[in-house]
Amino acid sequence: MFGIDQISWGQFTRFVLTVILVWYLGLLLVYFFQKERKHPLSLFEDDGAESLQHAMPEPISVSSQDLPPAMLPFVPIAEVVLSVSYYEEMGMDDGFSLDRLQNTKDPLPPDVMEQIHFQ
């Protein structure tokens, strides 16, 4: 239809590589010319704004009257007793789904409910 059946793979590969090469060359040229046109960045340190001139630090006076009359008492850290419940693993346990625990129409037997551990 367009002569595609008459083009060899070598010509097709050269065409694709040429298109890709032209594309990347164009991108490099655009980057190069935009970099030339871009204004150099002015850093804050190099900015000569008069309103931001260095001001000399002013000393402040501190006296003992500015401090509280007594130091805050040190609160010693007391031991916190953590209760630990020991649970022995008995093997593979898939447990119960939450829907099964919340189902009021089909409750679990009371002996099963006593064995359920939750934190």
C-alpha atoms as a PDB file:
ATOM      1  CA  MET A   1       0.000   0.000   0.000  1.00  0.00           C
ATOM      2  CA  PHE A   2       2.686   2.487   1.017  1.00  0.00           C
ATOM      3  CA  GLY A   3       5.609   0.425  -0.261  1.00  0.00           C
ATOM      4  CA  ILE A   4       6.214  -1.097   3.175  1.00  0.00           C
ATOM      5  CA  ASP A   5       6.722  -4.531   1.638  1.00  0.00           C
ATOM      6  CA  GLN A   6       9.627  -3.135  -0.426  1.00  0.00           C
ATOM      7  CA  ILE A   7      11.602  -1.628   2.523  1.00  0.00           C
ATOM      8  CA  SER A   8      14.325  -3.781   4.001  1.00  0.00           C
ATOM      9  CA  TRP A   9      14.939  -4.156   7.721  1.00  0.00           C
ATOM     10  CA  GLY A  10      18.255  -2.328   7.345  1.00  0.00           C
ATOM     11  CA  GLN A  11      16.579   0.743   5.890  1.00  0.00           C
ATOM     12  CA  PHE A  12      13.875   0.640   8.553  1.00  0.00           C
ATOM     13  CA  THR A  13      16.456   0.399  11.356  1.00  0.00           C
ATOM     14  CA  ARG A  14      18.474   3.293   9.915  1.00  0.00           C
ATOM     15  CA  PHE A  15      15.293   5.377   9.664  1.00  0.00           C
ATOM     16  CA  VAL A  16      14.313   4.710  13.293  1.00  0.00           C
ATOM     17  CA  LEU A  17      17.837   5.420  14.555  1.00  0.00           C
ATOM     18  CA  THR A  18      17.977   8.636  12.515  1.00  0.00           C
ATOM     19  CA  VAL A  19      14.652   9.823  13.947  1.00  0.00           C
ATOM     20  CA  ILE A  20      15.795   9.050  17.512  1.00  0.00           C
ATOM     21  CA  LEU A  21      19.159  10.764  16.925  1.00  0.00           C
ATOM     22  CA  VAL A  22      17.483  13.899  15.507  1.00  0.00           C
ATOM     23  CA  TRP A  23      15.048  13.958  18.439  1.00  0.00           C
ATOM     24  CA  TYR A  24      17.793  13.803  21.098  1.00  0.00           C
ATOM     25  CA  LEU A  25      19.958  16.282  19.203  1.00  0.00           C
ATOM     26  CA  GLY A  26      17.001  18.676  19.124  1.00  0.00           C
ATOM     27  CA  LEU A  27      16.506  18.249  22.877  1.00  0.00           C
ATOM     28  CA  LEU A  28      20.171  18.991  23.537  1.00  0.00           C
ATOM     29  CA  LEU A  29      20.037  22.117  21.380  1.00  0.00           C
ATOM     30  CA  VAL A  30      16.901  23.379  23.127  1.00  0.00           C
ATOM     31  CA  TYR A  31      18.540  22.774  26.516  1.00  0.00           C
ATOM     32  CA  PHE A  32      21.738  24.534  25.426  1.00  0.00           C
ATOM     33  CA  PHE A  33      19.946  27.641  24.113  1.00  0.00           C
ATOM     34  CA  GLN A  34      17.631  27.870  27.104  1.00  0.00           C
ATOM     35  CA  LYS A  35      20.592  27.611  29.425  1.00  0.00           C
ATOM     36  CA  GLU A  36      22.245  30.522  27.590  1.00  0.00           C
ATOM     37  CA  ARG A  37      19.123  32.693  27.881  1.00  0.00           C
ATOM     38  CA  LYS A  38      18.466  31.882  31.525  1.00  0.00           C
ATOM     39  CA  HIS A  39      19.381  34.627  33.961  1.00  0.00           C
ATOM     40  CA  PRO A  40      21.960  33.662  36.544  1.00  0.00           C
ATOM     41  CA  LEU A  41      20.390  32.895  39.891  1.00  0.00           C
ATOM     42  CA  SER A  42      20.893  35.598  42.470  1.00  0.00           C
ATOM     43  CA  LEU A  43      21.640  34.106  45.825  1.00  0.00           C
ATOM     44  CA  PHE A  44      20.204  35.526  48.999  1.00  0.00           C
ATOM     45  CA  GLU A  45      23.694  36.055  50.374  1.00  0.00           C
ATOM     46  CA  ASP A  46      24.669  38.075  47.303  1.00  0.00           C
ATOM     47  CA  ASP A  47      21.532  40.189  47.319  1.00  0.00           C
ATOM     48  CA  GLY A  48      22.252  43.825  48.131  1.00  0.00           C
ATOM     49  CA  ALA A  49      18.893  44.720  49.662  1.00  0.00           C
ATOM     50  CA  GLU A  50      19.315  47.627  52.058  1.00  0.00           C
ATOM     51  CA  SER A  51      16.511  46.446  54.340  1.00  0.00           C
ATOM     52  CA  LEU A  52      18.413  43.257  55.077  1.00  0.00           C
ATOM     53  CA  GLN A  53      21.681  44.803  56.182  1.00  0.00           C
ATOM     54  CA  HIS A  54      23.513  43.097  59.015  1.00  0.00           C
ATOM     55  CA  ALA A  55      22.460  44.474  62.368  1.00  0.00           C
ATOM     56  CA  MET A  56      24.806  44.407  65.293  1.00  0.00           C
ATOM     57  CA  PRO A  57      23.540  42.185  68.099  1.00  0.00           C
ATOM     58  CA  GLU A  58      22.370  44.096  71.132  1.00  0.00           C
ATOM     59  CA  PRO A  59      23.320  42.780  74.539  1.00  0.00           C
ATOM     60  CA  ILE A  60      20.542  42.020  76.992  1.00  0.00           C
ATOM     61  CA  SER A  61      20.816  42.096  80.716  1.00  0.00           C
ATOM     62  CA  VAL A  62      19.862  39.133  82.856  1.00  0.00           C
ATOM     63  CA  SER A  63      19.664  39.216  86.607  1.00  0.00           C
ATOM     64  CA  SER A  64      18.770  36.729  89.294  1.00  0.00           C
ATOM     65  CA  GLN A  65      15.414  38.447  89.731  1.00  0.00           C
ATOM     66  CA  ASP A  66      14.384  37.152  86.313  1.00  0.00           C
ATOM     67  CA  LEU A  67      14.725  33.551  87.491  1.00  0.00           C
ATOM     68  CA  PRO A  68      12.213  31.704  89.709  1.00  0.00           C
ATOM     69  CA  PRO A  69      12.909  31.970  93.441  1.00  0.00           C
ATOM     70  CA  ALA A  70      13.253  28.213  93.909  1.00  0.00           C
ATOM     71  CA  MET A  71      14.256  25.431  91.649  1.00  0.00           C
ATOM     72  CA  LEU A  72      11.604  22.946  90.658  1.00  0.00           C
ATOM     73  CA  PRO A  73      11.844  19.796  92.752  1.00  0.00           C
ATOM     74  CA  PHE A  74      13.234  16.699  91.087  1.00  0.00           C
ATOM     75  CA  VAL A  75      10.619  13.990  90.711  1.00  0.00           C
ATOM     76  CA  PRO A  76      12.282  10.581  91.004  1.00  0.00           C
ATOM     77  CA  ILE A  77      11.179   8.014  88.499  1.00  0.00           C
ATOM     78  CA  ALA A  78       9.218   5.275  90.235  1.00  0.00           C
ATOM     79  CA  GLU A  79       9.166   1.728  89.064  1.00  0.00           C
ATOM     80  CA  VAL A  80       6.146   0.868  86.969  1.00  0.00           C
ATOM     81  CA  VAL A  81       4.956  -2.672  87.421  1.00  0.00           C
ATOM     82  CA  LEU A  82       3.887  -4.208  84.148  1.00  0.00           C
ATOM     83  CA  SER A  83       1.550  -7.137  84.351  1.00  0.00           C
ATOM     84  CA  VAL A  84       2.447  -9.922  81.993  1.00  0.00           C
ATOM     85  CA  SER A  85       0.104 -12.679  80.965  1.00  0.00           C
ATOM     86  CA  TYR A  86       1.869 -15.806  79.814  1.00  0.00           C
ATOM     87  CA  TYR A  87       0.416 -17.493  76.798  1.00  0.00           C
ATOM     88  CA  GLU A  88       1.715 -20.792  75.577  1.00  0.00           C
ATOM     89  CA  GLU A  89       1.551 -21.425  71.904  1.00  0.00           C
ATOM     90  CA  MET A  90      -0.120 -24.752  71.270  1.00  0.00           C
ATOM     91  CA  GLY A  91       0.503 -24.922  67.558  1.00  0.00           C
ATOM     92  CA  MET A  92      -1.364 -23.634  64.533  1.00  0.00           C
ATOM     93  CA  ASP A  93      -4.348 -21.547  65.578  1.00  0.00           C
ATOM     94  CA  ASP A  94      -6.374 -19.692  62.992  1.00  0.00           C
ATOM     95  CA  GLY A  95      -8.579 -18.162  65.664  1.00  0.00           C
ATOM     96  CA  PHE A  96     -12.075 -16.864  65.155  1.00  0.00           C
ATOM     97  CA  SER A  97     -13.167 -14.217  62.730  1.00  0.00           C
ATOM     98  CA  LEU A  98     -14.524 -10.971  64.126  1.00  0.00           C
ATOM     99  CA  ASP A  99     -17.885 -11.595  62.497  1.00  0.00           C
ATOM    100  CA  ARG A 100     -18.203 -14.826  64.436  1.00  0.00           C
ATOM    101  CA  LEU A 101     -17.607 -13.031  67.741  1.00  0.00           C
ATOM    102  CA  GLN A 102     -20.090 -10.257  66.987  1.00  0.00           C
ATOM    103  CA  ASN A 103     -22.819 -12.494  65.623  1.00  0.00           C
ATOM    104  CA  THR A 104     -25.690 -12.469  68.142  1.00  0.00           C
ATOM    105  CA  LYS A 105     -27.781 -14.995  66.212  1.00  0.00           C
ATOM    106  CA  ASP A 106     -25.122 -17.726  66.406  1.00  0.00           C
ATOM    107  CA  PRO A 107     -23.020 -17.075  69.541  1.00  0.00           C
ATOM    108  CA  LEU A 108     -20.008 -19.128  70.461  1.00  0.00           C
ATOM    109  CA  PRO A 109     -20.419 -21.569  73.354  1.00  0.00           C
ATOM    110  CA  PRO A 110     -19.511 -20.111  76.782  1.00  0.00           C
ATOM    111  CA  ASP A 111     -16.581 -22.499  77.271  1.00  0.00           C
ATOM    112  CA  VAL A 112     -15.065 -21.239  74.007  1.00  0.00           C
ATOM    113  CA  MET A 113     -15.657 -17.615  75.005  1.00  0.00           C
ATOM    114  CA  GLU A 114     -13.686 -18.188  78.249  1.00  0.00           C
ATOM    115  CA  GLN A 115     -10.677 -19.351  76.274  1.00  0.00           C
ATOM    116  CA  ILE A 116     -10.500 -16.244  74.090  1.00  0.00           C
ATOM    117  CA  HIS A 117      -7.620 -13.936  75.042  1.00  0.00           C
ATOM    118  CA  PHE A 118      -7.801 -10.311  73.980  1.00  0.00           C
ATOM    119  CA  GLN A 119      -5.777  -7.264  74.924  1.00  0.00           C
END
